[in-house]
Amino acid sequence: MTMWLIDTNIFIYAVGKPHPHQEESKKIIEKAVAYPENYNINTEILQEILHVYLNKNQIEKGIDLVDSMLDIFPNPFQISTEEIHRGCILLKKYKTLNVRDALHAAVVKYNNLEGIITYDRHFNALRELKVLRPS
Protein backbone atom coordinates (compact mmCIF):
# COMPACT_ATOMS: atom_id res chain seq x y z
CA MET A 1 0.00 0.00 0.00
CA THR A 2 1.25 3.45 -0.91
CA MET A 3 0.22 6.31 1.36
CA TRP A 4 0.91 10.01 0.90
CA LEU A 5 0.73 12.79 3.46
CA ILE A 6 -1.24 15.77 2.12
CA ASP A 7 0.26 19.09 3.21
CA THR A 8 -1.71 22.01 4.60
CA ASN A 9 -1.36 24.19 1.51
CA ILE A 10 -3.38 21.73 -0.58
CA PHE A 11 -6.42 22.32 1.65
CA ILE A 12 -5.88 26.08 1.86
CA TYR A 13 -5.76 26.38 -1.94
CA ALA A 14 -8.74 24.06 -2.42
CA VAL A 15 -11.13 26.09 -0.26
CA GLY A 16 -9.59 29.55 -0.51
CA LYS A 17 -9.89 32.40 -2.95
CA PRO A 18 -9.46 31.65 -6.66
CA HIS A 19 -5.85 30.66 -7.30
CA PRO A 20 -3.92 28.82 -10.04
CA HIS A 21 -3.46 25.86 -7.63
CA GLN A 22 -7.13 25.64 -6.63
CA GLU A 23 -8.46 23.13 -9.17
CA GLU A 24 -5.50 20.78 -8.86
CA SER A 25 -5.79 20.93 -5.07
CA LYS A 26 -9.48 20.04 -5.26
CA LYS A 27 -8.61 17.06 -7.46
CA ILE A 28 -6.14 15.77 -4.88
CA ILE A 29 -8.77 15.95 -2.17
CA GLU A 30 -11.26 14.18 -4.45
CA LYS A 31 -8.70 11.39 -4.93
CA ALA A 32 -8.28 11.17 -1.17
CA VAL A 33 -12.03 10.81 -0.73
CA ALA A 34 -12.14 8.10 -3.40
CA TYR A 35 -9.04 6.26 -2.14
CA PRO A 36 -8.75 6.99 1.59
CA GLU A 37 -6.25 4.18 2.09
CA ASN A 38 -3.71 6.11 -0.02
CA TYR A 39 -3.80 9.49 1.72
CA ASN A 40 -3.73 10.97 5.20
CA ILE A 41 -2.85 14.04 7.23
CA ASN A 42 -1.33 14.57 10.65
CA THR A 43 -2.50 16.48 13.70
CA GLU A 44 -0.01 19.28 13.05
CA ILE A 45 -1.71 19.96 9.70
CA LEU A 46 -5.01 20.40 11.55
CA GLN A 47 -3.37 22.81 13.99
CA GLU A 48 -1.81 24.69 11.08
CA ILE A 49 -5.21 25.10 9.40
CA LEU A 50 -6.65 26.57 12.60
CA HIS A 51 -3.65 28.87 12.99
CA VAL A 52 -3.97 30.21 9.43
CA TYR A 53 -7.68 30.92 9.72
CA LEU A 54 -7.37 32.43 13.20
CA ASN A 55 -4.77 34.85 11.79
CA LYS A 56 -7.21 35.74 9.00
CA ASN A 57 -9.98 36.40 11.57
CA GLN A 58 -11.91 33.52 9.98
CA ILE A 59 -11.75 30.92 12.72
CA GLU A 60 -15.25 29.60 11.95
CA LYS A 61 -14.12 28.80 8.41
CA GLY A 62 -11.03 27.11 9.83
CA ILE A 63 -13.07 25.03 12.25
CA ASP A 64 -15.43 24.01 9.44
CA LEU A 65 -12.44 22.99 7.30
CA VAL A 66 -10.92 20.96 10.14
CA ASP A 67 -14.27 19.23 10.70
CA SER A 68 -14.45 18.37 6.98
CA MET A 69 -10.87 17.12 7.02
CA LEU A 70 -11.62 14.85 9.96
CA ASP A 71 -14.59 13.43 8.07
CA ILE A 72 -12.20 12.47 5.26
CA PHE A 73 -9.26 11.52 7.50
CA PRO A 74 -10.73 10.24 10.78
CA ASN A 75 -7.37 8.87 11.97
CA PRO A 76 -4.70 11.49 11.32
CA PHE A 77 -1.16 10.60 12.27
CA GLN A 78 -0.32 11.81 15.76
CA ILE A 79 2.79 13.84 16.52
CA SER A 80 4.58 11.70 19.08
CA THR A 81 7.90 12.15 20.82
CA GLU A 82 9.46 10.06 18.04
CA GLU A 83 8.32 12.55 15.38
CA ILE A 84 9.53 15.44 17.54
CA HIS A 85 12.93 13.75 17.91
CA ARG A 86 13.22 13.02 14.18
CA GLY A 87 12.02 16.54 13.38
CA CYS A 88 14.81 17.97 15.54
CA ILE A 89 17.36 15.90 13.66
CA LEU A 90 16.04 17.29 10.38
CA LEU A 91 16.12 20.86 11.72
CA LYS A 92 19.79 20.45 12.64
CA LYS A 93 20.60 19.00 9.22
CA TYR A 94 18.57 21.41 7.05
CA LYS A 95 18.88 25.02 8.21
CA THR A 96 16.23 26.29 5.74
CA LEU A 97 13.55 23.90 7.02
CA ASN A 98 10.86 25.30 9.31
CA VAL A 99 9.51 23.47 12.36
CA ARG A 100 6.17 22.43 10.90
CA ASP A 101 7.73 21.09 7.73
CA ALA A 102 10.29 19.18 9.80
CA LEU A 103 7.43 17.53 11.71
CA HIS A 104 5.58 16.69 8.49
CA ALA A 105 8.75 15.13 7.08
CA ALA A 106 9.28 13.20 10.32
CA VAL A 107 5.73 11.80 10.11
CA VAL A 108 6.39 10.65 6.56
CA LYS A 109 9.68 8.98 7.48
CA TYR A 110 8.59 7.44 10.81
CA ASN A 111 5.38 5.99 9.36
CA ASN A 112 7.07 4.76 6.15
CA LEU A 113 4.81 6.82 3.91
CA GLU A 114 5.55 7.26 0.22
CA GLY A 115 6.07 11.00 0.62
CA ILE A 116 4.28 14.32 0.87
CA ILE A 117 2.01 16.11 -1.60
CA THR A 118 2.72 19.83 -1.38
CA TYR A 119 3.42 23.08 -3.18
CA ASP A 120 5.91 24.02 -0.45
CA ARG A 121 9.43 24.44 -1.83
CA HIS A 122 11.04 24.07 1.64
CA PHE A 123 10.93 20.32 1.14
CA ASN A 124 13.26 20.53 -1.88
CA ALA A 125 16.31 20.36 0.35
CA LEU A 126 15.35 17.04 1.95
CA ARG A 127 17.09 14.35 -0.03
CA GLU A 128 15.49 11.59 2.02
CA LEU A 129 11.90 12.67 1.33
CA LYS A 130 9.85 12.07 -1.80
CA VAL A 131 7.84 15.17 -2.71
CA LEU A 132 4.94 15.12 -5.13
CA ARG A 133 4.09 18.51 -6.58
CA PRO A 134 0.60 18.73 -8.06
CA SER A 135 0.45 19.28 -11.83
C-alpha atoms as a PDB file:
ATOM      1  CA  MET A   1       0.000   0.000   0.000  1.00  0.00           C
ATOM      2  CA  THR A   2       1.250   3.452  -0.913  1.00  0.00           C
ATOM      3  CA  MET A   3       0.219   6.312   1.360  1.00  0.00           C
ATOM      4  CA  TRP A   4       0.912  10.010   0.900  1.00  0.00           C
ATOM      5  CA  LEU A   5       0.726  12.794   3.460  1.00  0.00           C
ATOM      6  CA  ILE A   6      -1.244  15.774   2.118  1.00  0.00           C
ATOM      7  CA  ASP A   7       0.259  19.090   3.207  1.00  0.00           C
ATOM      8  CA  THR A   8      -1.711  22.014   4.603  1.00  0.00           C
ATOM      9  CA  ASN A   9      -1.356  24.189   1.507  1.00  0.00           C
ATOM     10  CA  ILE A  10      -3.384  21.728  -0.584  1.00  0.00           C
ATOM     11  CA  PHE A  11      -6.418  22.321   1.648  1.00  0.00           C
ATOM     12  CA  ILE A  12      -5.878  26.079   1.858  1.00  0.00           C
ATOM     13  CA  TYR A  13      -5.758  26.382  -1.942  1.00  0.00           C
ATOM     14  CA  ALA A  14      -8.738  24.061  -2.419  1.00  0.00           C
ATOM     15  CA  VAL A  15     -11.126  26.091  -0.256  1.00  0.00           C
ATOM     16  CA  GLY A  16      -9.586  29.554  -0.514  1.00  0.00           C
ATOM     17  CA  LYS A  17      -9.895  32.398  -2.949  1.00  0.00           C
ATOM     18  CA  PRO A  18      -9.461  31.649  -6.664  1.00  0.00           C
ATOM     19  CA  HIS A  19      -5.850  30.658  -7.304  1.00  0.00           C
ATOM     20  CA  PRO A  20      -3.918  28.818 -10.044  1.00  0.00           C
ATOM     21  CA  HIS A  21      -3.458  25.865  -7.630  1.00  0.00           C
ATOM     22  CA  GLN A  22      -7.126  25.641  -6.634  1.00  0.00           C
ATOM     23  CA  GLU A  23      -8.464  23.130  -9.168  1.00  0.00           C
ATOM     24  CA  GLU A  24      -5.500  20.782  -8.860  1.00  0.00           C
ATOM     25  CA  SER A  25      -5.789  20.927  -5.067  1.00  0.00           C
ATOM     26  CA  LYS A  26      -9.482  20.042  -5.255  1.00  0.00           C
ATOM     27  CA  LYS A  27      -8.614  17.056  -7.464  1.00  0.00           C
ATOM     28  CA  ILE A  28      -6.139  15.774  -4.884  1.00  0.00           C
ATOM     29  CA  ILE A  29      -8.773  15.946  -2.168  1.00  0.00           C
ATOM     30  CA  GLU A  30     -11.263  14.183  -4.452  1.00  0.00           C
ATOM     31  CA  LYS A  31      -8.703  11.392  -4.934  1.00  0.00           C
ATOM     32  CA  ALA A  32      -8.278  11.170  -1.167  1.00  0.00           C
ATOM     33  CA  VAL A  33     -12.029  10.809  -0.730  1.00  0.00           C
ATOM     34  CA  ALA A  34     -12.143   8.097  -3.404  1.00  0.00           C
ATOM     35  CA  TYR A  35      -9.040   6.256  -2.143  1.00  0.00           C
ATOM     36  CA  PRO A  36      -8.747   6.995   1.592  1.00  0.00           C
ATOM     37  CA  GLU A  37      -6.253   4.179   2.093  1.00  0.00           C
ATOM     38  CA  ASN A  38      -3.709   6.110  -0.023  1.00  0.00           C
ATOM     39  CA  TYR A  39      -3.797   9.493   1.718  1.00  0.00           C
ATOM     40  CA  ASN A  40      -3.731  10.972   5.202  1.00  0.00           C
ATOM     41  CA  ILE A  41      -2.847  14.045   7.232  1.00  0.00           C
ATOM     42  CA  ASN A  42      -1.330  14.573  10.649  1.00  0.00           C
ATOM     43  CA  THR A  43      -2.504  16.477  13.696  1.00  0.00           C
ATOM     44  CA  GLU A  44      -0.006  19.283  13.055  1.00  0.00           C
ATOM     45  CA  ILE A  45      -1.715  19.960   9.705  1.00  0.00           C
ATOM     46  CA  LEU A  46      -5.014  20.405  11.554  1.00  0.00           C
ATOM     47  CA  GLN A  47      -3.366  22.812  13.994  1.00  0.00           C
ATOM     48  CA  GLU A  48      -1.809  24.692  11.084  1.00  0.00           C
ATOM     49  CA  ILE A  49      -5.211  25.104   9.396  1.00  0.00           C
ATOM     50  CA  LEU A  50      -6.651  26.569  12.596  1.00  0.00           C
ATOM     51  CA  HIS A  51      -3.647  28.872  12.988  1.00  0.00           C
ATOM     52  CA  VAL A  52      -3.972  30.213   9.426  1.00  0.00           C
ATOM     53  CA  TYR A  53      -7.677  30.916   9.725  1.00  0.00           C
ATOM     54  CA  LEU A  54      -7.366  32.435  13.197  1.00  0.00           C
ATOM     55  CA  ASN A  55      -4.774  34.854  11.793  1.00  0.00           C
ATOM     56  CA  LYS A  56      -7.214  35.744   8.998  1.00  0.00           C
ATOM     57  CA  ASN A  57      -9.976  36.400  11.569  1.00  0.00           C
ATOM     58  CA  GLN A  58     -11.906  33.517   9.976  1.00  0.00           C
ATOM     59  CA  ILE A  59     -11.750  30.922  12.723  1.00  0.00           C
ATOM     60  CA  GLU A  60     -15.253  29.599  11.954  1.00  0.00           C
ATOM     61  CA  LYS A  61     -14.124  28.797   8.410  1.00  0.00           C
ATOM     62  CA  GLY A  62     -11.026  27.113   9.834  1.00  0.00           C
ATOM     63  CA  ILE A  63     -13.073  25.027  12.249  1.00  0.00           C
ATOM     64  CA  ASP A  64     -15.431  24.007   9.437  1.00  0.00           C
ATOM     65  CA  LEU A  65     -12.445  22.994   7.304  1.00  0.00           C
ATOM     66  CA  VAL A  66     -10.918  20.962  10.138  1.00  0.00           C
ATOM     67  CA  ASP A  67     -14.266  19.225  10.701  1.00  0.00           C
ATOM     68  CA  SER A  68     -14.450  18.370   6.982  1.00  0.00           C
ATOM     69  CA  MET A  69     -10.873  17.116   7.016  1.00  0.00           C
ATOM     70  CA  LEU A  70     -11.617  14.846   9.964  1.00  0.00           C
ATOM     71  CA  ASP A  71     -14.590  13.433   8.070  1.00  0.00           C
ATOM     72  CA  ILE A  72     -12.199  12.473   5.257  1.00  0.00           C
ATOM     73  CA  PHE A  73      -9.257  11.524   7.503  1.00  0.00           C
ATOM     74  CA  PRO A  74     -10.729  10.241  10.783  1.00  0.00           C
ATOM     75  CA  ASN A  75      -7.373   8.871  11.969  1.00  0.00           C
ATOM     76  CA  PRO A  76      -4.700  11.494  11.316  1.00  0.00           C
ATOM     77  CA  PHE A  77      -1.158  10.603  12.269  1.00  0.00           C
ATOM     78  CA  GLN A  78      -0.315  11.813  15.765  1.00  0.00           C
ATOM     79  CA  ILE A  79       2.792  13.835  16.517  1.00  0.00           C
ATOM     80  CA  SER A  80       4.579  11.695  19.081  1.00  0.00           C
ATOM     81  CA  THR A  81       7.903  12.146  20.816  1.00  0.00           C
ATOM     82  CA  GLU A  82       9.456  10.059  18.036  1.00  0.00           C
ATOM     83  CA  GLU A  83       8.316  12.548  15.378  1.00  0.00           C
ATOM     84  CA  ILE A  84       9.532  15.441  17.543  1.00  0.00           C
ATOM     85  CA  HIS A  85      12.928  13.752  17.906  1.00  0.00           C
ATOM     86  CA  ARG A  86      13.217  13.023  14.176  1.00  0.00           C
ATOM     87  CA  GLY A  87      12.020  16.543  13.380  1.00  0.00           C
ATOM     88  CA  CYS A  88      14.807  17.975  15.544  1.00  0.00           C
ATOM     89  CA  ILE A  89      17.364  15.896  13.662  1.00  0.00           C
ATOM     90  CA  LEU A  90      16.039  17.289  10.376  1.00  0.00           C
ATOM     91  CA  LEU A  91      16.124  20.863  11.718  1.00  0.00           C
ATOM     92  CA  LYS A  92      19.792  20.448  12.641  1.00  0.00           C
ATOM     93  CA  LYS A  93      20.602  18.996   9.224  1.00  0.00           C
ATOM     94  CA  TYR A  94      18.570  21.413   7.054  1.00  0.00           C
ATOM     95  CA  LYS A  95      18.877  25.022   8.207  1.00  0.00           C
ATOM     96  CA  THR A  96      16.226  26.289   5.743  1.00  0.00           C
ATOM     97  CA  LEU A  97      13.546  23.903   7.018  1.00  0.00           C
ATOM     98  CA  ASN A  98      10.860  25.305   9.312  1.00  0.00           C
ATOM     99  CA  VAL A  99       9.514  23.475  12.356  1.00  0.00           C
ATOM    100  CA  ARG A 100       6.167  22.431  10.899  1.00  0.00           C
ATOM    101  CA  ASP A 101       7.734  21.094   7.728  1.00  0.00           C
ATOM    102  CA  ALA A 102      10.286  19.176   9.795  1.00  0.00           C
ATOM    103  CA  LEU A 103       7.430  17.532  11.709  1.00  0.00           C
ATOM    104  CA  HIS A 104       5.581  16.690   8.490  1.00  0.00           C
ATOM    105  CA  ALA A 105       8.751  15.127   7.082  1.00  0.00           C
ATOM    106  CA  ALA A 106       9.282  13.199  10.315  1.00  0.00           C
ATOM    107  CA  VAL A 107       5.734  11.803  10.111  1.00  0.00           C
ATOM    108  CA  VAL A 108       6.395  10.654   6.555  1.00  0.00           C
ATOM    109  CA  LYS A 109       9.676   8.977   7.484  1.00  0.00           C
ATOM    110  CA  TYR A 110       8.593   7.444  10.808  1.00  0.00           C
ATOM    111  CA  ASN A 111       5.385   5.994   9.355  1.00  0.00           C
ATOM    112  CA  ASN A 112       7.066   4.762   6.153  1.00  0.00           C
ATOM    113  CA  LEU A 113       4.810   6.817   3.908  1.00  0.00           C
ATOM    114  CA  GLU A 114       5.548   7.258   0.217  1.00  0.00           C
ATOM    115  CA  GLY A 115       6.074  11.001   0.621  1.00  0.00           C
ATOM    116  CA  ILE A 116       4.276  14.318   0.867  1.00  0.00           C
ATOM    117  CA  ILE A 117       2.006  16.114  -1.602  1.00  0.00           C
ATOM    118  CA  THR A 118       2.724  19.830  -1.379  1.00  0.00           C
ATOM    119  CA  TYR A 119       3.419  23.078  -3.178  1.00  0.00           C
ATOM    120  CA  ASP A 120       5.905  24.018  -0.453  1.00  0.00           C
ATOM    121  CA  ARG A 121       9.426  24.442  -1.825  1.00  0.00           C
ATOM    122  CA  HIS A 122      11.036  24.071   1.636  1.00  0.00           C
ATOM    123  CA  PHE A 123      10.926  20.322   1.142  1.00  0.00           C
ATOM    124  CA  ASN A 124      13.257  20.534  -1.881  1.00  0.00           C
ATOM    125  CA  ALA A 125      16.314  20.357   0.348  1.00  0.00           C
ATOM    126  CA  LEU A 126      15.348  17.039   1.948  1.00  0.00           C
ATOM    127  CA  ARG A 127      17.087  14.352  -0.035  1.00  0.00           C
ATOM    128  CA  GLU A 128      15.493  11.591   2.016  1.00  0.00           C
ATOM    129  CA  LEU A 129      11.904  12.668   1.327  1.00  0.00           C
ATOM    130  CA  LYS A 130       9.849  12.069  -1.803  1.00  0.00           C
ATOM    131  CA  VAL A 131       7.841  15.174  -2.714  1.00  0.00           C
ATOM    132  CA  LEU A 132       4.940  15.118  -5.134  1.00  0.00           C
ATOM    133  CA  ARG A 133       4.092  18.507  -6.581  1.00  0.00           C
ATOM    134  CA  PRO A 134       0.603  18.729  -8.055  1.00  0.00           C
ATOM    135  CA  SER A 135       0.449  19.278 -11.826  1.00  0.00           C
END
